[in-house]
Amino acid sequence: MKFLNMIAFIIFSSSIISSQEIGIDFNIGYTKLKMEQVNNYLDNSESVDFESSNHIYPEYNPIGTSLIYELGVSAKLSQFVVRLSGNYLSTNGYWESRDTIRYINHDIDVSSLEILASAGYNIPIYKTASILLEGGIGYGFASSEISYITKSYQLYNELENIKHNVSGGYLAGRLRGGFEAKLKWLMLRIVIGYRFANAGVLKGESIINGVKKENQPVIDNNGKELVFDYSGIYYAWGITILL
C-alpha cells in the first residue's frame, strides 16, 4: 500500500509541475451502501412474539444511503486530469421494539474516510463542456459503533447491554463518469459512479454486559464475523475553483 501511495504521489507531483490548470475540488453527493449483512444483524424481528397481544410493531430503519463529502486538488494537462482527493461519509440504522414487558433498542453507526489518487480523460463535446471518465485507487479507514440494549419493565433494569466500537483499514477504488462545464475560473461538474469500499471484518473494543474485550470482531445472528461493505453506486455535484 505504501508503494502504491508513493507511485501515486510521484505521478501527481509530476502532473502538477507540467499542468495547464490547477484547481481545488469540492463535491457533495449521495452513495448507497452494500450493508446487507449488517442490516440482517440489525434486524431483530425474530426476537419479537408477533402473536402476543402485548406486541407493538417494531421500528426498523436499515442502513441504506449516506451523504458523501469530497475535497481535493486536481491538475489538468490538455485533456488528461489527475486528482488527489479525500472523502467522508457517516450514517446510521436502528431497530426498536417495545411492548408492556420489555424494550429493545439496536443502533449501528457507520462512517468512513478515504484518500484517493485518480486519473481521468475529458472528451470535448463543446467549447467549454466535456464528458469526464475517471478511475482511482487509494486507502480507506472505516469505523462503526454498535449498541444493543434490552430493558425489562417488570424488573426495572437492563437484561442485556452490548456495545462494540470497531474499526479497520481497506483498499478503496472508484470508477465514475460525468459532465463538466467551464465558466472562466470555475468548473461545474456532475458525476455518477461506483465506489469499491469493502472494509471486511472490523475489530475493536467489545463490552458485553460489563465484560470488556479488545481486538474483537462483531458476531452476527448466525455466529459469523460481521462484514462491513461500504461499496455502492454514488452520484455527486461539484465545482472546481481554478487557480
C-alpha atoms as a PDB file:
ATOM      1  CA  MET A   1       0.000   0.000   0.000  1.00  0.00           C
ATOM      2  CA  LYS A   2       2.859   2.396   0.841  1.00  0.00           C
ATOM      3  CA  PHE A   3       4.407   1.654  -2.568  1.00  0.00           C
ATOM      4  CA  LEU A   4       1.122   2.443  -4.362  1.00  0.00           C
ATOM      5  CA  ASN A   5       0.778   5.690  -2.425  1.00  0.00           C
ATOM      6  CA  MET A   6       4.346   6.688  -3.308  1.00  0.00           C
ATOM      7  CA  ILE A   7       3.798   5.999  -7.036  1.00  0.00           C
ATOM      8  CA  ALA A   8       0.526   7.959  -6.964  1.00  0.00           C
ATOM      9  CA  PHE A   9       2.270  10.889  -5.230  1.00  0.00           C
ATOM     10  CA  ILE A  10       5.105  10.935  -7.803  1.00  0.00           C
ATOM     11  CA  ILE A  11       2.651  10.871 -10.727  1.00  0.00           C
ATOM     12  CA  PHE A  12       0.500  13.585  -9.185  1.00  0.00           C
ATOM     13  CA  SER A  13       3.513  15.794  -8.383  1.00  0.00           C
ATOM     14  CA  SER A  14       4.831  15.477 -11.941  1.00  0.00           C
ATOM     15  CA  SER A  15       1.416  16.373 -13.335  1.00  0.00           C
ATOM     16  CA  ILE A  16       1.198  19.465 -11.116  1.00  0.00           C
ATOM     17  CA  ILE A  17       4.556  20.727 -12.402  1.00  0.00           C
ATOM     18  CA  SER A  18       3.598  20.377 -16.072  1.00  0.00           C
ATOM     19  CA  SER A  19      -0.133  21.092 -15.781  1.00  0.00           C
ATOM     20  CA  GLN A  20      -2.010  23.790 -17.671  1.00  0.00           C
ATOM     21  CA  GLU A  21      -4.696  24.175 -14.970  1.00  0.00           C
ATOM     22  CA  ILE A  22      -4.655  23.527 -11.234  1.00  0.00           C
ATOM     23  CA  GLY A  23      -7.861  23.538  -9.226  1.00  0.00           C
ATOM     24  CA  ILE A  24      -9.408  22.956  -5.818  1.00  0.00           C
ATOM     25  CA  ASP A  25     -12.288  20.467  -5.986  1.00  0.00           C
ATOM     26  CA  PHE A  26     -15.445  20.401  -3.836  1.00  0.00           C
ATOM     27  CA  ASN A  27     -18.085  17.672  -4.264  1.00  0.00           C
ATOM     28  CA  ILE A  28     -21.174  16.619  -2.354  1.00  0.00           C
ATOM     29  CA  GLY A  29     -23.442  13.721  -3.189  1.00  0.00           C
ATOM     30  CA  TYR A  30     -25.213  10.550  -2.136  1.00  0.00           C
ATOM     31  CA  THR A  31     -23.947   6.999  -2.023  1.00  0.00           C
ATOM     32  CA  LYS A  32     -25.711   3.681  -1.488  1.00  0.00           C
ATOM     33  CA  LEU A  33     -24.015   1.263   0.911  1.00  0.00           C
ATOM     34  CA  LYS A  34     -23.950  -2.537   0.476  1.00  0.00           C
ATOM     35  CA  MET A  35     -24.658  -3.319   4.116  1.00  0.00           C
ATOM     36  CA  GLU A  36     -26.799  -6.455   3.681  1.00  0.00           C
ATOM     37  CA  GLN A  37     -25.083  -8.492   6.404  1.00  0.00           C
ATOM     38  CA  VAL A  38     -25.014  -5.528   8.790  1.00  0.00           C
ATOM     39  CA  ASN A  39     -28.725  -4.855   8.202  1.00  0.00           C
ATOM     40  CA  ASN A  40     -29.578  -8.527   8.767  1.00  0.00           C
ATOM     41  CA  TYR A  41     -27.732  -8.280  12.079  1.00  0.00           C
ATOM     42  CA  LEU A  42     -29.539  -5.027  12.889  1.00  0.00           C
ATOM     43  CA  ASP A  43     -33.000  -6.551  12.300  1.00  0.00           C
ATOM     44  CA  ASN A  44     -34.083  -8.374  15.481  1.00  0.00           C
ATOM     45  CA  SER A  45     -37.612  -9.304  14.383  1.00  0.00           C
ATOM     46  CA  GLU A  46     -37.010 -12.943  15.349  1.00  0.00           C
ATOM     47  CA  SER A  47     -36.824 -11.873  19.000  1.00  0.00           C
ATOM     48  CA  VAL A  48     -40.390 -10.481  18.906  1.00  0.00           C
ATOM     49  CA  ASP A  49     -43.521 -12.535  19.520  1.00  0.00           C
ATOM     50  CA  PHE A  50     -45.849 -11.145  16.844  1.00  0.00           C
ATOM     51  CA  GLU A  51     -48.730 -13.293  18.169  1.00  0.00           C
ATOM     52  CA  SER A  52     -48.613 -11.605  21.574  1.00  0.00           C
ATOM     53  CA  SER A  53     -51.326  -9.080  22.399  1.00  0.00           C
ATOM     54  CA  ASN A  54     -48.613  -7.038  24.165  1.00  0.00           C
ATOM     55  CA  HIS A  55     -46.671  -6.574  20.960  1.00  0.00           C
ATOM     56  CA  ILE A  56     -46.203  -3.211  19.238  1.00  0.00           C
ATOM     57  CA  TYR A  57     -44.763  -3.448  15.730  1.00  0.00           C
ATOM     58  CA  PRO A  58     -41.034  -2.550  15.794  1.00  0.00           C
ATOM     59  CA  GLU A  59     -39.435   0.433  14.071  1.00  0.00           C
ATOM     60  CA  TYR A  60     -36.755  -0.570  11.590  1.00  0.00           C
ATOM     61  CA  ASN A  61     -34.511   1.882   9.741  1.00  0.00           C
ATOM     62  CA  PRO A  62     -31.815  -0.054   7.838  1.00  0.00           C
ATOM     63  CA  ILE A  63     -28.516   1.429   6.717  1.00  0.00           C
ATOM     64  CA  GLY A  64     -29.114   2.463   3.110  1.00  0.00           C
ATOM     65  CA  THR A  65     -27.752   5.734   1.746  1.00  0.00           C
ATOM     66  CA  SER A  66     -25.462   8.435   3.042  1.00  0.00           C
ATOM     67  CA  LEU A  67     -24.316  11.897   2.154  1.00  0.00           C
ATOM     68  CA  ILE A  68     -20.697  11.901   0.980  1.00  0.00           C
ATOM     69  CA  TYR A  69     -18.373  14.910   1.080  1.00  0.00           C
ATOM     70  CA  GLU A  70     -15.260  15.244  -1.099  1.00  0.00           C
ATOM     71  CA  LEU A  71     -12.374  17.706  -1.114  1.00  0.00           C
ATOM     72  CA  GLY A  72      -9.306  17.550  -3.355  1.00  0.00           C
ATOM     73  CA  VAL A  73      -6.832  19.152  -5.695  1.00  0.00           C
ATOM     74  CA  SER A  74      -6.619  18.468  -9.437  1.00  0.00           C
ATOM     75  CA  ALA A  75      -4.226  19.179 -12.261  1.00  0.00           C
ATOM     76  CA  LYS A  76      -5.119  19.189 -15.955  1.00  0.00           C
ATOM     77  CA  LEU A  77      -2.827  18.766 -18.936  1.00  0.00           C
ATOM     78  CA  SER A  78      -4.595  19.004 -22.280  1.00  0.00           C
ATOM     79  CA  GLN A  79      -7.494  16.506 -21.980  1.00  0.00           C
ATOM     80  CA  PHE A  80      -5.959  14.499 -19.138  1.00  0.00           C
ATOM     81  CA  VAL A  81      -6.639  15.177 -15.469  1.00  0.00           C
ATOM     82  CA  VAL A  82      -5.118  13.775 -12.255  1.00  0.00           C
ATOM     83  CA  ARG A  83      -6.658  14.250  -8.855  1.00  0.00           C
ATOM     84  CA  LEU A  84      -5.809  13.714  -5.193  1.00  0.00           C
ATOM     85  CA  SER A  85      -8.913  13.749  -3.010  1.00  0.00           C
ATOM     86  CA  GLY A  86     -10.396  12.765   0.311  1.00  0.00           C
ATOM     87  CA  ASN A  87     -13.977  11.838   1.059  1.00  0.00           C
ATOM     88  CA  TYR A  88     -16.040  11.245   4.188  1.00  0.00           C
ATOM     89  CA  LEU A  89     -19.417   9.672   4.903  1.00  0.00           C
ATOM     90  CA  SER A  90     -21.389   8.867   8.030  1.00  0.00           C
ATOM     91  CA  THR A  91     -24.822   7.329   8.559  1.00  0.00           C
ATOM     92  CA  ASN A  92     -26.715   5.025  10.888  1.00  0.00           C
ATOM     93  CA  GLY A  93     -29.504   2.498  11.231  1.00  0.00           C
ATOM     94  CA  TYR A  94     -31.660   1.323  14.118  1.00  0.00           C
ATOM     95  CA  TRP A  95     -34.193  -1.291  15.185  1.00  0.00           C
ATOM     96  CA  GLU A  96     -36.502  -0.655  18.137  1.00  0.00           C
ATOM     97  CA  SER A  97     -39.273  -2.645  19.726  1.00  0.00           C
ATOM     98  CA  ARG A  98     -41.319  -2.081  22.864  1.00  0.00           C
ATOM     99  CA  ASP A  99     -44.269  -3.798  24.489  1.00  0.00           C
ATOM    100  CA  THR A 100     -45.702  -3.998  28.004  1.00  0.00           C
ATOM    101  CA  ILE A 101     -42.905  -6.350  29.111  1.00  0.00           C
ATOM    102  CA  ARG A 102     -39.636  -5.097  27.617  1.00  0.00           C
ATOM    103  CA  TYR A 103     -37.885  -2.550  25.463  1.00  0.00           C
ATOM    104  CA  ILE A 104     -35.208  -3.442  22.845  1.00  0.00           C
ATOM    105  CA  ASN A 105     -33.007  -0.917  21.054  1.00  0.00           C
ATOM    106  CA  HIS A 106     -30.376  -1.846  18.462  1.00  0.00           C
ATOM    107  CA  ASP A 107     -28.393   1.060  16.961  1.00  0.00           C
ATOM    108  CA  ILE A 108     -25.495   0.985  14.471  1.00  0.00           C
ATOM    109  CA  ASP A 109     -23.424   3.998  13.340  1.00  0.00           C
ATOM    110  CA  VAL A 110     -21.014   3.605  10.422  1.00  0.00           C
ATOM    111  CA  SER A 111     -18.504   6.031   8.894  1.00  0.00           C
ATOM    112  CA  SER A 112     -15.534   6.007   6.541  1.00  0.00           C
ATOM    113  CA  LEU A 113     -12.718   8.305   5.437  1.00  0.00           C
ATOM    114  CA  GLU A 114     -10.836   7.715   2.167  1.00  0.00           C
ATOM    115  CA  ILE A 115      -7.819   9.180   0.376  1.00  0.00           C
ATOM    116  CA  LEU A 116      -7.763   8.518  -3.382  1.00  0.00           C
ATOM    117  CA  ALA A 117      -5.433   9.229  -6.283  1.00  0.00           C
ATOM    118  CA  SER A 118      -7.224   9.202  -9.629  1.00  0.00           C
ATOM    119  CA  ALA A 119      -6.650   9.833 -13.313  1.00  0.00           C
ATOM    120  CA  GLY A 120      -9.161  10.753 -15.962  1.00  0.00           C
ATOM    121  CA  TYR A 121      -9.782  11.865 -19.515  1.00  0.00           C
ATOM    122  CA  ASN A 122     -12.041  14.648 -20.804  1.00  0.00           C
ATOM    123  CA  ILE A 123     -13.871  14.146 -24.098  1.00  0.00           C
ATOM    124  CA  PRO A 124     -14.817  17.584 -25.519  1.00  0.00           C
ATOM    125  CA  ILE A 125     -18.425  17.951 -26.663  1.00  0.00           C
ATOM    126  CA  TYR A 126     -18.492  21.756 -26.895  1.00  0.00           C
ATOM    127  CA  LYS A 127     -16.068  24.669 -26.486  1.00  0.00           C
ATOM    128  CA  THR A 128     -16.408  24.765 -22.703  1.00  0.00           C
ATOM    129  CA  ALA A 129     -18.038  21.398 -21.978  1.00  0.00           C
ATOM    130  CA  SER A 130     -16.770  17.837 -21.854  1.00  0.00           C
ATOM    131  CA  ILE A 131     -17.540  14.290 -20.723  1.00  0.00           C
ATOM    132  CA  LEU A 132     -15.321  13.053 -17.884  1.00  0.00           C
ATOM    133  CA  LEU A 133     -14.176   9.425 -17.486  1.00  0.00           C
ATOM    134  CA  GLU A 134     -12.143   8.723 -14.353  1.00  0.00           C
ATOM    135  CA  GLY A 135     -10.796   5.950 -12.150  1.00  0.00           C
ATOM    136  CA  GLY A 136      -8.927   5.986  -8.866  1.00  0.00           C
ATOM    137  CA  ILE A 137      -7.379   3.898  -6.115  1.00  0.00           C
ATOM    138  CA  GLY A 138      -6.487   4.636  -2.523  1.00  0.00           C
ATOM    139  CA  TYR A 139      -6.867   3.751   1.132  1.00  0.00           C
ATOM    140  CA  GLY A 140      -9.864   3.942   3.436  1.00  0.00           C
ATOM    141  CA  PHE A 141     -10.459   3.845   7.177  1.00  0.00           C
ATOM    142  CA  ALA A 142     -13.839   2.561   8.401  1.00  0.00           C
ATOM    143  CA  SER A 143     -15.382   2.627  11.857  1.00  0.00           C
ATOM    144  CA  SER A 144     -18.622   1.561  13.491  1.00  0.00           C
ATOM    145  CA  GLU A 145     -20.285   1.981  16.878  1.00  0.00           C
ATOM    146  CA  ILE A 146     -22.920  -0.583  17.836  1.00  0.00           C
ATOM    147  CA  SER A 147     -25.298  -0.573  20.793  1.00  0.00           C
ATOM    148  CA  TYR A 148     -27.779  -3.301  21.757  1.00  0.00           C
ATOM    149  CA  ILE A 149     -29.861  -2.769  24.898  1.00  0.00           C
ATOM    150  CA  THR A 150     -32.761  -4.818  26.323  1.00  0.00           C
ATOM    151  CA  LYS A 151     -34.672  -3.461  29.332  1.00  0.00           C
ATOM    152  CA  SER A 152     -37.323  -5.164  31.431  1.00  0.00           C
ATOM    153  CA  TYR A 153     -40.258  -3.058  32.594  1.00  0.00           C
ATOM    154  CA  GLN A 154     -41.123  -5.600  35.278  1.00  0.00           C
ATOM    155  CA  LEU A 155     -37.624  -5.772  36.809  1.00  0.00           C
ATOM    156  CA  TYR A 156     -36.766  -2.121  36.108  1.00  0.00           C
ATOM    157  CA  ASN A 157     -33.252  -2.994  34.914  1.00  0.00           C
ATOM    158  CA  GLU A 158     -31.236  -3.953  31.831  1.00  0.00           C
ATOM    159  CA  LEU A 159     -31.309  -7.575  30.737  1.00  0.00           C
ATOM    160  CA  GLU A 160     -28.669  -7.032  28.038  1.00  0.00           C
ATOM    161  CA  ASN A 161     -26.188  -4.266  27.325  1.00  0.00           C
ATOM    162  CA  ILE A 162     -23.854  -4.863  24.401  1.00  0.00           C
ATOM    163  CA  LYS A 163     -21.530  -2.275  22.869  1.00  0.00           C
ATOM    164  CA  HIS A 164     -18.969  -2.567  20.068  1.00  0.00           C
ATOM    165  CA  ASN A 165     -16.527   0.086  18.874  1.00  0.00           C
ATOM    166  CA  VAL A 166     -14.705  -1.357  15.857  1.00  0.00           C
ATOM    167  CA  SER A 167     -12.546  -0.011  13.027  1.00  0.00           C
ATOM    168  CA  GLY A 168     -10.134  -1.029  10.265  1.00  0.00           C
ATOM    169  CA  GLY A 169      -8.469  -0.075   7.001  1.00  0.00           C
ATOM    170  CA  TYR A 170      -9.203  -1.234   3.477  1.00  0.00           C
ATOM    171  CA  LEU A 171      -8.249  -0.792  -0.182  1.00  0.00           C
ATOM    172  CA  ALA A 172     -10.536   1.750  -1.836  1.00  0.00           C
ATOM    173  CA  GLY A 173     -11.348   2.219  -5.527  1.00  0.00           C
ATOM    174  CA  ARG A 174     -13.514   4.442  -7.682  1.00  0.00           C
ATOM    175  CA  LEU A 175     -14.874   4.454 -11.236  1.00  0.00           C
ATOM    176  CA  ARG A 176     -17.002   7.363 -12.399  1.00  0.00           C
ATOM    177  CA  GLY A 177     -18.173   9.320 -15.377  1.00  0.00           C
ATOM    178  CA  GLY A 178     -19.922  12.610 -15.800  1.00  0.00           C
ATOM    179  CA  PHE A 179     -20.227  16.020 -17.347  1.00  0.00           C
ATOM    180  CA  GLU A 180     -18.090  19.133 -16.801  1.00  0.00           C
ATOM    181  CA  ALA A 181     -18.602  22.731 -17.949  1.00  0.00           C
ATOM    182  CA  LYS A 182     -16.091  25.568 -17.602  1.00  0.00           C
ATOM    183  CA  LEU A 183     -17.129  29.101 -16.689  1.00  0.00           C
ATOM    184  CA  LYS A 184     -13.952  31.227 -16.716  1.00  0.00           C
ATOM    185  CA  TRP A 185     -12.258  30.365 -13.373  1.00  0.00           C
ATOM    186  CA  LEU A 186     -14.954  27.899 -12.285  1.00  0.00           C
ATOM    187  CA  MET A 187     -15.642  24.314 -13.368  1.00  0.00           C
ATOM    188  CA  LEU A 188     -19.103  22.802 -12.779  1.00  0.00           C
ATOM    189  CA  ARG A 189     -19.430  19.029 -12.529  1.00  0.00           C
ATOM    190  CA  ILE A 190     -21.986  16.239 -12.138  1.00  0.00           C
ATOM    191  CA  VAL A 191     -20.847  12.612 -11.906  1.00  0.00           C
ATOM    192  CA  ILE A 192     -22.166   9.111 -11.298  1.00  0.00           C
ATOM    193  CA  GLY A 193     -20.031   6.124 -10.454  1.00  0.00           C
ATOM    194  CA  TYR A 194     -19.274   3.175  -8.234  1.00  0.00           C
ATOM    195  CA  ARG A 195     -17.285   3.091  -5.002  1.00  0.00           C
ATOM    196  CA  PHE A 196     -15.277  -0.060  -4.198  1.00  0.00           C
ATOM    197  CA  ALA A 197     -15.020   0.006  -0.417  1.00  0.00           C
ATOM    198  CA  ASN A 198     -15.379  -3.399   1.227  1.00  0.00           C
ATOM    199  CA  ALA A 199     -13.845  -2.927   4.681  1.00  0.00           C
ATOM    200  CA  GLY A 200     -14.331  -6.587   5.587  1.00  0.00           C
ATOM    201  CA  VAL A 201     -14.318  -7.624   9.253  1.00  0.00           C
ATOM    202  CA  LEU A 202     -13.714  -4.689  11.604  1.00  0.00           C
ATOM    203  CA  LYS A 203     -12.289  -5.282  15.088  1.00  0.00           C
ATOM    204  CA  GLY A 204     -12.071  -3.299  18.291  1.00  0.00           C
ATOM    205  CA  GLU A 205     -13.442  -2.940  21.796  1.00  0.00           C
ATOM    206  CA  SER A 206     -16.377  -5.126  22.798  1.00  0.00           C
ATOM    207  CA  ILE A 207     -18.323  -4.722  26.058  1.00  0.00           C
ATOM    208  CA  ILE A 208     -20.938  -7.400  26.692  1.00  0.00           C
ATOM    209  CA  ASN A 209     -22.877  -6.991  29.943  1.00  0.00           C
ATOM    210  CA  GLY A 210     -19.940  -5.218  31.577  1.00  0.00           C
ATOM    211  CA  VAL A 211     -17.217  -7.609  30.333  1.00  0.00           C
ATOM    212  CA  LYS A 212     -14.693  -5.756  28.160  1.00  0.00           C
ATOM    213  CA  LYS A 213     -12.525  -7.401  25.483  1.00  0.00           C
ATOM    214  CA  GLU A 214     -10.130  -5.856  22.954  1.00  0.00           C
ATOM    215  CA  ASN A 215      -9.487  -6.625  19.269  1.00  0.00           C
ATOM    216  CA  GLN A 216     -12.812  -8.407  18.890  1.00  0.00           C
ATOM    217  CA  PRO A 217     -14.943  -8.758  15.721  1.00  0.00           C
ATOM    218  CA  VAL A 218     -18.718  -8.332  15.813  1.00  0.00           C
ATOM    219  CA  ILE A 219     -20.529 -11.691  15.640  1.00  0.00           C
ATOM    220  CA  ASP A 220     -23.790 -11.691  13.691  1.00  0.00           C
ATOM    221  CA  ASN A 221     -27.019 -13.587  14.391  1.00  0.00           C
ATOM    222  CA  ASN A 222     -25.669 -16.704  12.627  1.00  0.00           C
ATOM    223  CA  GLY A 223     -22.424 -16.818  14.605  1.00  0.00           C
ATOM    224  CA  LYS A 224     -20.332 -15.380  11.755  1.00  0.00           C
ATOM    225  CA  GLU A 225     -17.958 -12.414  11.874  1.00  0.00           C
ATOM    226  CA  LEU A 226     -19.762  -9.305  10.644  1.00  0.00           C
ATOM    227  CA  VAL A 227     -18.563  -7.854   7.309  1.00  0.00           C
ATOM    228  CA  PHE A 228     -18.879  -4.107   6.690  1.00  0.00           C
ATOM    229  CA  ASP A 229     -19.181  -3.282   2.990  1.00  0.00           C
ATOM    230  CA  TYR A 230     -19.250   0.451   2.212  1.00  0.00           C
ATOM    231  CA  SER A 231     -19.299  -0.154  -1.574  1.00  0.00           C
ATOM    232  CA  GLY A 232     -22.076   1.171  -3.756  1.00  0.00           C
ATOM    233  CA  ILE A 233     -23.320   3.416  -6.528  1.00  0.00           C
ATOM    234  CA  TYR A 234     -22.881   7.118  -5.904  1.00  0.00           C
ATOM    235  CA  TYR A 235     -23.629  10.407  -7.612  1.00  0.00           C
ATOM    236  CA  ALA A 236     -22.353  13.865  -6.821  1.00  0.00           C
ATOM    237  CA  TRP A 237     -22.396  17.500  -7.808  1.00  0.00           C
ATOM    238  CA  GLY A 238     -19.307  19.636  -7.546  1.00  0.00           C
ATOM    239  CA  ILE A 239     -17.182  22.600  -8.518  1.00  0.00           C
ATOM    240  CA  THR A 240     -13.515  23.187  -9.202  1.00  0.00           C
ATOM    241  CA  ILE A 241     -12.018  26.592  -8.438  1.00  0.00           C
ATOM    242  CA  LEU A 242      -9.237  27.147 -10.973  1.00  0.00           C
ATOM    243  CA  LEU A 243      -6.100  28.765  -9.575  1.00  0.00           C
END
